[in-house]
Every structure is written in C-alpha cells, then in structure tokens.
C-alpha cells in the first residue's frame, strides 16, 4: 500500500477521533482518554516526520496508553485528560506559529509544559474546562485530518506556511472549537438538569 492509499483511511480515522474529541469530549472519560492518546501520539509522530503506517502504529499505541492511563489513575482522570488534550493544543499552536519552520524538540517541550498546566487546571475546574480543552484539541485533530485527506487543496489547515494561511487556519480552528464547546456545554447542561 503506497502512502497515498494509506492516507485516506488514516485521515478518516483521524477525522473520527477529532470529531469525538471536539463534540463529545466530556461524555466518556475512557473514550476521551483513548482519543486524546491517539491524537497526541499521531500529532507527535507527524511532527517528527513518521510515515503514515508508522504514525498509525504510534497513534494506536498512544490510544492504548491514554486508555491505560485513565484506567490506572481514574482518580486523576481529569488531570490526565486535560494534560493530553492540552499537549495536543500546544502542538497545534506551535505549528501555526512556527509555520513549518519550528524545532520538533521545542514543540515536544512546549506540549509537555502546556499539558501539565492544562491538566492541573482541568483537575481544578473539571467538566467546564475539560469541555473547552477537548473541543480545542478535537478541532485541531479535525484540521490535521482534513489536511491529510486533501493535502493539495487544504493542506495548510494542518501546517500553515504563510501568515495568511496561519490566520485562516487559526480562524477555522477556533470556529470549529467553539462549535464543539457549545455542543458539549449543552450536553453538560442537559446532564445537570437531569440530575437536579
């Protein structure tokens, strides 16, 4: 299977993961852990230049790792989920700011630092912050998936190379994240109304 043939199923799988994170991130901690682990591992593999088959293997391992982390530390699940999603957001921001010129090591260090900070905040503020973080994280994964599915037309959504592309991709990212957050917020409000 050549790389173009592998790009379609990989892009569709990445799109599915992004949609789950963006629009249903707070519904299931285990599913979100699985998706966030997959997304983070995929984005790091992609940043480091891995081929699609290798990236998929790494992403599946990341998904299993995310699920195991959630299972082992369920008490600290919000912290872990916030950290995974925060790291994914950091990599997307770095790709938009660096416009293809950044250092992979700096991106990984930024992802770790932002992941720790967002993890701490998610543990403190629980579901409302986790809804926002998973919406941002999922939206970034959706953009990367769309870029993988149509690299010549909208490839800049994954990794912009000019200021105009960066501004446009950032705008699309934020609008998509806002839509995801609104859907998740509505779900949280419905859940709260059922409980009370």
C-alpha atoms as a PDB file:
ATOM      1  CA  UNK A   1       0.000   0.000   0.000  1.00  0.00           C
ATOM      2  CA  UNK A   2       1.570   3.283  -1.052  1.00  0.00           C
ATOM      3  CA  UNK A   3       1.425   6.418   1.060  1.00  0.00           C
ATOM      4  CA  UNK A   4      -1.497   7.965  -0.864  1.00  0.00           C
ATOM      5  CA  UNK A   5      -3.578   4.799  -0.397  1.00  0.00           C
ATOM      6  CA  UNK A   6      -2.741   4.773   3.319  1.00  0.00           C
ATOM      7  CA  UNK A   7      -3.556   8.480   3.693  1.00  0.00           C
ATOM      8  CA  UNK A   8      -7.303   8.044   3.106  1.00  0.00           C
ATOM      9  CA  UNK A   9      -8.034   5.512   5.890  1.00  0.00           C
ATOM     10  CA  UNK A  10      -5.583   7.264   8.224  1.00  0.00           C
ATOM     11  CA  UNK A  11      -7.173  10.638   7.507  1.00  0.00           C
ATOM     12  CA  UNK A  12     -10.675   9.251   8.050  1.00  0.00           C
ATOM     13  CA  UNK A  13      -9.643   7.618  11.336  1.00  0.00           C
ATOM     14  CA  UNK A  14      -8.026  10.853  12.464  1.00  0.00           C
ATOM     15  CA  UNK A  15     -11.174  12.754  11.460  1.00  0.00           C
ATOM     16  CA  UNK A  16     -13.332  10.385  13.538  1.00  0.00           C
ATOM     17  CA  UNK A  17     -11.062  10.813  16.568  1.00  0.00           C
ATOM     18  CA  UNK A  18     -11.172  14.594  16.178  1.00  0.00           C
ATOM     19  CA  UNK A  19     -14.969  14.634  15.911  1.00  0.00           C
ATOM     20  CA  UNK A  20     -15.347  12.551  19.082  1.00  0.00           C
ATOM     21  CA  UNK A  21     -12.943  14.800  20.995  1.00  0.00           C
ATOM     22  CA  UNK A  22     -14.414  18.042  19.693  1.00  0.00           C
ATOM     23  CA  UNK A  23     -18.103  17.299  20.105  1.00  0.00           C
ATOM     24  CA  UNK A  24     -18.305  14.589  22.815  1.00  0.00           C
ATOM     25  CA  UNK A  25     -15.139  15.003  24.873  1.00  0.00           C
ATOM     26  CA  UNK A  26     -16.813  15.215  28.280  1.00  0.00           C
ATOM     27  CA  UNK A  27     -19.305  12.382  27.765  1.00  0.00           C
ATOM     28  CA  UNK A  28     -16.949   9.439  28.452  1.00  0.00           C
ATOM     29  CA  UNK A  29     -13.614   9.735  30.215  1.00  0.00           C
ATOM     30  CA  UNK A  30     -12.341   6.400  28.879  1.00  0.00           C
ATOM     31  CA  UNK A  31     -13.290   7.168  25.282  1.00  0.00           C
ATOM     32  CA  UNK A  32     -11.790  10.632  25.594  1.00  0.00           C
ATOM     33  CA  UNK A  33      -8.579   9.152  27.043  1.00  0.00           C
ATOM     34  CA  UNK A  34      -8.404   6.746  24.120  1.00  0.00           C
ATOM     35  CA  UNK A  35      -8.993   9.514  21.566  1.00  0.00           C
ATOM     36  CA  UNK A  36      -6.688  12.048  23.230  1.00  0.00           C
ATOM     37  CA  UNK A  37      -3.874   9.491  23.471  1.00  0.00           C
ATOM     38  CA  UNK A  38      -4.344   8.608  19.794  1.00  0.00           C
ATOM     39  CA  UNK A  39      -4.437  12.245  18.717  1.00  0.00           C
ATOM     40  CA  UNK A  40      -1.385  13.291  20.710  1.00  0.00           C
ATOM     41  CA  UNK A  41       0.701  10.330  19.541  1.00  0.00           C
ATOM     42  CA  UNK A  42      -0.376  10.877  15.924  1.00  0.00           C
ATOM     43  CA  UNK A  43       0.449  14.595  16.011  1.00  0.00           C
ATOM     44  CA  UNK A  44       3.870  13.980  17.548  1.00  0.00           C
ATOM     45  CA  UNK A  45       4.633  11.211  15.017  1.00  0.00           C
ATOM     46  CA  UNK A  46       3.526  13.510  12.195  1.00  0.00           C
ATOM     47  CA  UNK A  47       5.614  16.376  13.583  1.00  0.00           C
ATOM     48  CA  UNK A  48       8.668  14.114  13.703  1.00  0.00           C
ATOM     49  CA  UNK A  49       8.115  13.062  10.075  1.00  0.00           C
ATOM     50  CA  UNK A  50       6.902   9.478  10.523  1.00  0.00           C
ATOM     51  CA  UNK A  51       5.320   7.737   7.548  1.00  0.00           C
ATOM     52  CA  UNK A  52       1.555   7.105   7.677  1.00  0.00           C
ATOM     53  CA  UNK A  53       1.804   3.387   8.615  1.00  0.00           C
ATOM     54  CA  UNK A  54       4.363   4.128  11.332  1.00  0.00           C
ATOM     55  CA  UNK A  55       2.261   7.084  12.517  1.00  0.00           C
ATOM     56  CA  UNK A  56      -0.798   4.838  12.783  1.00  0.00           C
ATOM     57  CA  UNK A  57       1.107   2.265  14.838  1.00  0.00           C
ATOM     58  CA  UNK A  58       2.382   5.011  17.138  1.00  0.00           C
ATOM     59  CA  UNK A  59      -1.116   6.545  17.373  1.00  0.00           C
ATOM     60  CA  UNK A  60      -2.702   3.195  18.271  1.00  0.00           C
ATOM     61  CA  UNK A  61      -0.043   2.720  20.936  1.00  0.00           C
ATOM     62  CA  UNK A  62      -0.825   6.240  22.173  1.00  0.00           C
ATOM     63  CA  UNK A  63      -4.542   5.413  22.277  1.00  0.00           C
ATOM     64  CA  UNK A  64      -3.873   2.307  24.325  1.00  0.00           C
ATOM     65  CA  UNK A  65      -1.554   4.334  26.550  1.00  0.00           C
ATOM     66  CA  UNK A  66      -4.239   7.005  27.050  1.00  0.00           C
ATOM     67  CA  UNK A  67      -6.809   4.350  27.949  1.00  0.00           C
ATOM     68  CA  UNK A  68      -4.402   2.656  30.355  1.00  0.00           C
ATOM     69  CA  UNK A  69      -3.534   5.988  31.974  1.00  0.00           C
ATOM     70  CA  UNK A  70      -7.222   6.732  32.533  1.00  0.00           C
ATOM     71  CA  UNK A  71      -7.839   3.243  33.899  1.00  0.00           C
ATOM     72  CA  UNK A  72      -4.851   3.319  36.243  1.00  0.00           C
ATOM     73  CA  UNK A  73      -5.358   6.799  37.538  1.00  0.00           C
ATOM     74  CA  UNK A  74      -9.128   7.182  37.331  1.00  0.00           C
ATOM     75  CA  UNK A  75      -8.992   9.366  40.418  1.00  0.00           C
ATOM     76  CA  UNK A  76      -6.741  11.749  38.499  1.00  0.00           C
ATOM     77  CA  UNK A  77      -8.528  11.255  35.174  1.00  0.00           C
ATOM     78  CA  UNK A  78      -9.405  14.916  34.669  1.00  0.00           C
ATOM     79  CA  UNK A  79      -5.781  15.867  35.204  1.00  0.00           C
ATOM     80  CA  UNK A  80      -4.557  13.274  32.706  1.00  0.00           C
ATOM     81  CA  UNK A  81      -7.216  14.116  30.099  1.00  0.00           C
ATOM     82  CA  UNK A  82      -6.545  17.823  30.463  1.00  0.00           C
ATOM     83  CA  UNK A  83      -2.841  17.149  30.070  1.00  0.00           C
ATOM     84  CA  UNK A  84      -3.230  15.034  26.940  1.00  0.00           C
ATOM     85  CA  UNK A  85      -5.632  17.496  25.324  1.00  0.00           C
ATOM     86  CA  UNK A  86      -3.525  20.490  26.392  1.00  0.00           C
ATOM     87  CA  UNK A  87      -0.430  18.948  24.816  1.00  0.00           C
ATOM     88  CA  UNK A  88      -2.359  18.424  21.566  1.00  0.00           C
ATOM     89  CA  UNK A  89      -3.431  22.078  21.592  1.00  0.00           C
ATOM     90  CA  UNK A  90       0.152  23.200  22.240  1.00  0.00           C
ATOM     91  CA  UNK A  91       1.420  21.294  19.212  1.00  0.00           C
ATOM     92  CA  UNK A  92      -1.275  22.865  17.012  1.00  0.00           C
ATOM     93  CA  UNK A  93      -0.432  26.366  18.252  1.00  0.00           C
ATOM     94  CA  UNK A  94       3.252  25.680  17.665  1.00  0.00           C
ATOM     95  CA  UNK A  95       2.524  24.508  14.096  1.00  0.00           C
ATOM     96  CA  UNK A  96       0.557  27.702  13.414  1.00  0.00           C
ATOM     97  CA  UNK A  97       3.167  29.996  14.920  1.00  0.00           C
ATOM     98  CA  UNK A  98       6.201  28.181  13.506  1.00  0.00           C
ATOM     99  CA  UNK A  99       4.632  27.809  10.035  1.00  0.00           C
ATOM    100  CA  UNK A 100       6.690  24.707   9.251  1.00  0.00           C
ATOM    101  CA  UNK A 101       9.969  26.191  10.474  1.00  0.00           C
ATOM    102  CA  UNK A 102       9.961  25.071  14.115  1.00  0.00           C
ATOM    103  CA  UNK A 103      12.012  22.555  16.035  1.00  0.00           C
ATOM    104  CA  UNK A 104      10.368  19.243  16.953  1.00  0.00           C
ATOM    105  CA  UNK A 105      12.192  19.244  20.306  1.00  0.00           C
ATOM    106  CA  UNK A 106      10.829  22.679  21.215  1.00  0.00           C
ATOM    107  CA  UNK A 107       7.321  21.536  20.175  1.00  0.00           C
ATOM    108  CA  UNK A 108       7.524  18.457  22.408  1.00  0.00           C
ATOM    109  CA  UNK A 109       8.805  20.519  25.348  1.00  0.00           C
ATOM    110  CA  UNK A 110       6.026  23.073  24.827  1.00  0.00           C
ATOM    111  CA  UNK A 111       3.472  20.245  24.640  1.00  0.00           C
ATOM    112  CA  UNK A 112       4.728  18.800  27.934  1.00  0.00           C
ATOM    113  CA  UNK A 113       4.651  22.172  29.699  1.00  0.00           C
ATOM    114  CA  UNK A 114       1.215  23.178  28.413  1.00  0.00           C
ATOM    115  CA  UNK A 115      -0.075  19.670  29.085  1.00  0.00           C
ATOM    116  CA  UNK A 116       0.964  19.898  32.735  1.00  0.00           C
ATOM    117  CA  UNK A 117      -0.629  23.327  33.157  1.00  0.00           C
ATOM    118  CA  UNK A 118      -3.897  22.399  31.434  1.00  0.00           C
ATOM    119  CA  UNK A 119      -4.007  19.095  33.313  1.00  0.00           C
ATOM    120  CA  UNK A 120      -3.770  20.935  36.600  1.00  0.00           C
ATOM    121  CA  UNK A 121      -6.486  23.402  35.564  1.00  0.00           C
ATOM    122  CA  UNK A 122      -8.770  20.592  34.298  1.00  0.00           C
ATOM    123  CA  UNK A 123      -8.471  18.842  37.644  1.00  0.00           C
ATOM    124  CA  UNK A 124      -9.409  22.071  39.433  1.00  0.00           C
ATOM    125  CA  UNK A 125     -12.285  23.145  37.193  1.00  0.00           C
ATOM    126  CA  UNK A 126     -13.478  19.735  35.978  1.00  0.00           C
ATOM    127  CA  UNK A 127     -16.112  19.374  33.262  1.00  0.00           C
ATOM    128  CA  UNK A 128     -16.457  23.000  32.033  1.00  0.00           C
ATOM    129  CA  UNK A 129     -12.737  23.377  31.347  1.00  0.00           C
ATOM    130  CA  UNK A 130     -12.440  19.842  30.002  1.00  0.00           C
ATOM    131  CA  UNK A 131     -15.235  20.605  27.515  1.00  0.00           C
ATOM    132  CA  UNK A 132     -13.298  23.624  26.221  1.00  0.00           C
ATOM    133  CA  UNK A 133      -9.966  21.799  26.113  1.00  0.00           C
ATOM    134  CA  UNK A 134     -11.329  18.730  24.322  1.00  0.00           C
ATOM    135  CA  UNK A 135     -13.166  20.973  21.846  1.00  0.00           C
ATOM    136  CA  UNK A 136      -9.912  22.797  21.021  1.00  0.00           C
ATOM    137  CA  UNK A 137      -7.970  19.544  20.886  1.00  0.00           C
ATOM    138  CA  UNK A 138     -10.559  17.799  18.727  1.00  0.00           C
ATOM    139  CA  UNK A 139     -10.801  20.758  16.369  1.00  0.00           C
ATOM    140  CA  UNK A 140      -7.022  20.682  15.881  1.00  0.00           C
ATOM    141  CA  UNK A 141      -7.173  16.966  15.080  1.00  0.00           C
ATOM    142  CA  UNK A 142     -10.040  17.561  12.626  1.00  0.00           C
ATOM    143  CA  UNK A 143      -7.957  20.185  10.800  1.00  0.00           C
ATOM    144  CA  UNK A 144      -4.993  17.810  10.595  1.00  0.00           C
ATOM    145  CA  UNK A 145      -7.286  15.070   9.272  1.00  0.00           C
ATOM    146  CA  UNK A 146      -8.760  17.364   6.620  1.00  0.00           C
ATOM    147  CA  UNK A 147      -5.243  18.421   5.632  1.00  0.00           C
ATOM    148  CA  UNK A 148      -4.257  14.750   5.293  1.00  0.00           C
ATOM    149  CA  UNK A 149      -7.358  13.974   3.220  1.00  0.00           C
ATOM    150  CA  UNK A 150      -6.870  16.882   0.796  1.00  0.00           C
ATOM    151  CA  UNK A 151      -3.236  17.987   1.078  1.00  0.00           C
ATOM    152  CA  UNK A 152      -3.104  19.992  -2.145  1.00  0.00           C
ATOM    153  CA  UNK A 153      -6.304  21.945  -1.502  1.00  0.00           C
ATOM    154  CA  UNK A 154      -6.420  22.480   2.262  1.00  0.00           C
ATOM    155  CA  UNK A 155      -3.140  21.045   3.498  1.00  0.00           C
ATOM    156  CA  UNK A 156      -2.357  24.392   5.103  1.00  0.00           C
ATOM    157  CA  UNK A 157      -5.004  23.647   7.772  1.00  0.00           C
ATOM    158  CA  UNK A 158      -2.593  21.111   9.246  1.00  0.00           C
ATOM    159  CA  UNK A 159       0.594  23.092   8.934  1.00  0.00           C
ATOM    160  CA  UNK A 160       0.372  26.606   7.518  1.00  0.00           C
ATOM    161  CA  UNK A 161       3.461  28.004   5.833  1.00  0.00           C
ATOM    162  CA  UNK A 162       2.474  31.669   5.412  1.00  0.00           C
ATOM    163  CA  UNK A 163       0.959  34.272   7.721  1.00  0.00           C
ATOM    164  CA  UNK A 164      -2.274  34.364   5.714  1.00  0.00           C
ATOM    165  CA  UNK A 165      -2.607  30.570   5.888  1.00  0.00           C
ATOM    166  CA  UNK A 166      -1.861  30.679   9.612  1.00  0.00           C
ATOM    167  CA  UNK A 167      -4.533  33.313  10.268  1.00  0.00           C
ATOM    168  CA  UNK A 168      -7.087  31.473   8.136  1.00  0.00           C
ATOM    169  CA  UNK A 169      -6.317  28.063   9.677  1.00  0.00           C
ATOM    170  CA  UNK A 170      -6.416  29.555  13.187  1.00  0.00           C
ATOM    171  CA  UNK A 171      -9.797  31.134  12.475  1.00  0.00           C
ATOM    172  CA  UNK A 172     -11.233  27.847  11.195  1.00  0.00           C
ATOM    173  CA  UNK A 173      -9.749  26.056  14.215  1.00  0.00           C
ATOM    174  CA  UNK A 174     -11.307  28.476  16.696  1.00  0.00           C
ATOM    175  CA  UNK A 175     -14.728  28.462  14.991  1.00  0.00           C
ATOM    176  CA  UNK A 176     -14.781  24.660  14.930  1.00  0.00           C
ATOM    177  CA  UNK A 177     -13.654  24.528  18.569  1.00  0.00           C
ATOM    178  CA  UNK A 178     -16.377  26.992  19.547  1.00  0.00           C
ATOM    179  CA  UNK A 179     -18.989  24.799  17.847  1.00  0.00           C
ATOM    180  CA  UNK A 180     -17.650  21.755  19.699  1.00  0.00           C
ATOM    181  CA  UNK A 181     -17.646  23.596  23.009  1.00  0.00           C
ATOM    182  CA  UNK A 182     -21.241  24.746  22.504  1.00  0.00           C
ATOM    183  CA  UNK A 183     -22.367  21.175  21.780  1.00  0.00           C
ATOM    184  CA  UNK A 184     -20.535  19.878  24.853  1.00  0.00           C
ATOM    185  CA  UNK A 185     -21.825  22.702  27.040  1.00  0.00           C
ATOM    186  CA  UNK A 186     -25.384  21.873  26.007  1.00  0.00           C
ATOM    187  CA  UNK A 187     -24.740  18.225  26.908  1.00  0.00           C
ATOM    188  CA  UNK A 188     -23.373  19.259  30.311  1.00  0.00           C
ATOM    189  CA  UNK A 189     -26.431  21.456  30.954  1.00  0.00           C
ATOM    190  CA  UNK A 190     -28.781  18.622  29.971  1.00  0.00           C
ATOM    191  CA  UNK A 191     -26.937  16.265  32.307  1.00  0.00           C
ATOM    192  CA  UNK A 192     -27.148  18.795  35.157  1.00  0.00           C
ATOM    193  CA  UNK A 193     -30.874  19.278  34.578  1.00  0.00           C
ATOM    194  CA  UNK A 194     -31.487  15.511  34.678  1.00  0.00           C
ATOM    195  CA  UNK A 195     -29.558  15.199  37.946  1.00  0.00           C
ATOM    196  CA  UNK A 196     -31.420  18.055  39.670  1.00  0.00           C
END
